[in-house]
Amino acid sequence: MAPKKRRLGYATVAILRAIHEEHRYGLDIIAATGLATGTVYVTLGRLQKRGFVTTSWEDQRIAEREGRPRRRYYELSRAGRDALDEALESYGVLMFGVPAQHGRG
């Protein structure tokens, strides 16, 4: 018998969904989800280890021109999109007020 897959929690699904909706760097994800900074960054690290997100750093010149630190951008991998779709199908309207047929827009 195959081991049972662990269902993703609310914070994880909220973060995956925020990234899917083009909130791609830490503070933007925090604003979109309303989750605490520590929760978001710890979860992003776990998502990266699980292969659900990939990361890239913004060009230093852009950050310097805007007078701020460089941003680390997150993007859903194929596995992350699949996990999000599966979670939204499972949780559907109960968690996010969205229909189960979320799709990969």
Protein backbone atom coordinates (compact mmCIF):
# COMPACT_ATOMS: atom_id res chain seq x y z
CA MET A 1 0.00 0.00 0.00
CA ALA A 2 1.38 3.44 -0.97
CA PRO A 3 1.91 5.91 1.86
CA LYS A 4 -0.87 8.46 2.24
CA LYS A 5 0.07 11.92 0.99
CA ARG A 6 -0.12 14.60 3.65
CA ARG A 7 -2.65 17.31 2.86
CA LEU A 8 -1.19 20.80 2.56
CA GLY A 9 -2.13 23.22 5.32
CA TYR A 10 -3.84 26.58 4.95
CA ALA A 11 -0.65 28.67 5.06
CA THR A 12 1.07 26.52 2.44
CA VAL A 13 -1.89 26.64 0.07
CA ALA A 14 -2.32 30.39 0.62
CA ILE A 15 1.33 30.97 -0.28
CA LEU A 16 1.16 28.75 -3.37
CA ARG A 17 -1.98 30.56 -4.46
CA ALA A 18 -0.40 33.99 -3.92
CA ILE A 19 2.59 32.99 -6.08
CA HIS A 20 0.22 31.64 -8.72
CA GLU A 21 -1.54 35.04 -8.69
CA GLU A 22 1.77 36.79 -9.44
CA HIS A 23 2.75 37.83 -5.90
CA ARG A 24 6.32 36.72 -6.40
CA TYR A 25 8.56 38.14 -3.63
CA GLY A 26 8.40 37.77 0.14
CA LEU A 27 6.82 41.04 1.26
CA ASP A 28 4.29 40.92 -1.58
CA ILE A 29 3.33 37.36 -0.58
CA ILE A 30 2.98 38.48 3.05
CA ALA A 31 0.68 41.34 2.02
CA ALA A 32 -1.41 39.08 -0.24
CA THR A 33 -1.87 36.31 2.36
CA GLY A 34 -1.97 38.24 5.62
CA LEU A 35 0.35 35.63 7.12
CA ALA A 36 3.17 36.45 9.53
CA THR A 37 6.65 37.07 8.14
CA GLY A 38 8.13 34.04 9.93
CA THR A 39 5.39 31.76 8.63
CA VAL A 40 5.85 32.90 5.05
CA TYR A 41 9.63 32.64 4.90
CA VAL A 42 9.81 29.27 6.68
CA THR A 43 7.09 27.89 4.41
CA LEU A 44 8.80 29.25 1.28
CA GLY A 45 11.97 27.41 2.31
CA ARG A 46 10.04 24.18 2.75
CA LEU A 47 8.27 24.66 -0.58
CA GLN A 48 11.61 25.12 -2.29
CA LYS A 49 13.01 21.94 -0.68
CA ARG A 50 9.93 20.00 -1.82
CA GLY A 51 10.37 21.27 -5.37
CA PHE A 52 7.10 23.25 -5.38
CA VAL A 53 8.79 26.60 -6.03
CA THR A 54 11.91 27.81 -7.77
CA THR A 55 13.71 31.04 -6.93
CA SER A 56 15.74 33.70 -8.64
CA TRP A 57 17.34 36.92 -7.45
CA GLU A 58 16.53 40.28 -8.92
CA ASP A 59 19.35 42.13 -10.67
CA GLN A 60 21.28 44.20 -8.12
CA ARG A 61 21.16 47.28 -10.39
CA ILE A 62 17.35 47.36 -10.26
CA ALA A 63 17.36 47.23 -6.47
CA GLU A 64 20.02 49.95 -6.25
CA ARG A 65 18.11 52.17 -8.68
CA GLU A 66 14.99 51.79 -6.49
CA GLY A 67 16.98 52.25 -3.26
CA ARG A 68 16.12 48.92 -1.62
CA PRO A 69 17.56 45.44 -1.06
CA ARG A 70 17.39 42.88 -3.87
CA ARG A 71 14.23 40.80 -4.04
CA ARG A 72 14.17 37.05 -4.20
CA TYR A 73 11.45 36.00 -6.62
CA TYR A 74 9.46 32.78 -6.29
CA GLU A 75 7.78 30.88 -9.09
CA LEU A 76 5.63 27.76 -8.99
CA SER A 77 7.18 24.65 -10.49
CA ARG A 78 5.04 22.08 -12.25
CA ALA A 79 4.87 20.12 -8.97
CA GLY A 80 3.77 23.30 -7.17
CA ARG A 81 0.99 23.98 -9.69
CA ASP A 82 -0.17 20.37 -9.38
CA ALA A 83 -0.13 20.58 -5.56
CA LEU A 84 -2.09 23.85 -5.67
CA ASP A 85 -4.69 22.42 -8.05
CA GLU A 86 -5.07 19.32 -5.87
CA ALA A 87 -5.41 21.39 -2.68
CA LEU A 88 -7.98 23.74 -4.23
CA GLU A 89 -9.93 20.75 -5.46
CA SER A 90 -9.87 19.25 -1.94
CA TYR A 91 -10.57 22.43 -0.02
CA GLY A 92 -12.45 24.40 -2.67
CA VAL A 93 -14.80 27.02 -1.34
CA LEU A 94 -14.15 26.07 2.29
CA MET A 95 -10.73 27.70 2.29
CA PHE A 96 -10.72 30.38 -0.33
CA GLY A 97 -14.20 30.94 -1.68
CA VAL A 98 -13.15 29.66 -5.11
CA PRO A 99 -14.70 26.95 -7.21
CA ALA A 100 -12.93 23.60 -7.27
CA GLN A 101 -12.12 24.01 -10.98
CA HIS A 102 -9.29 26.52 -10.35
CA GLY A 103 -7.21 25.47 -13.35
CA ARG A 104 -3.72 26.61 -14.26
CA GLY A 105 -4.54 30.08 -15.61
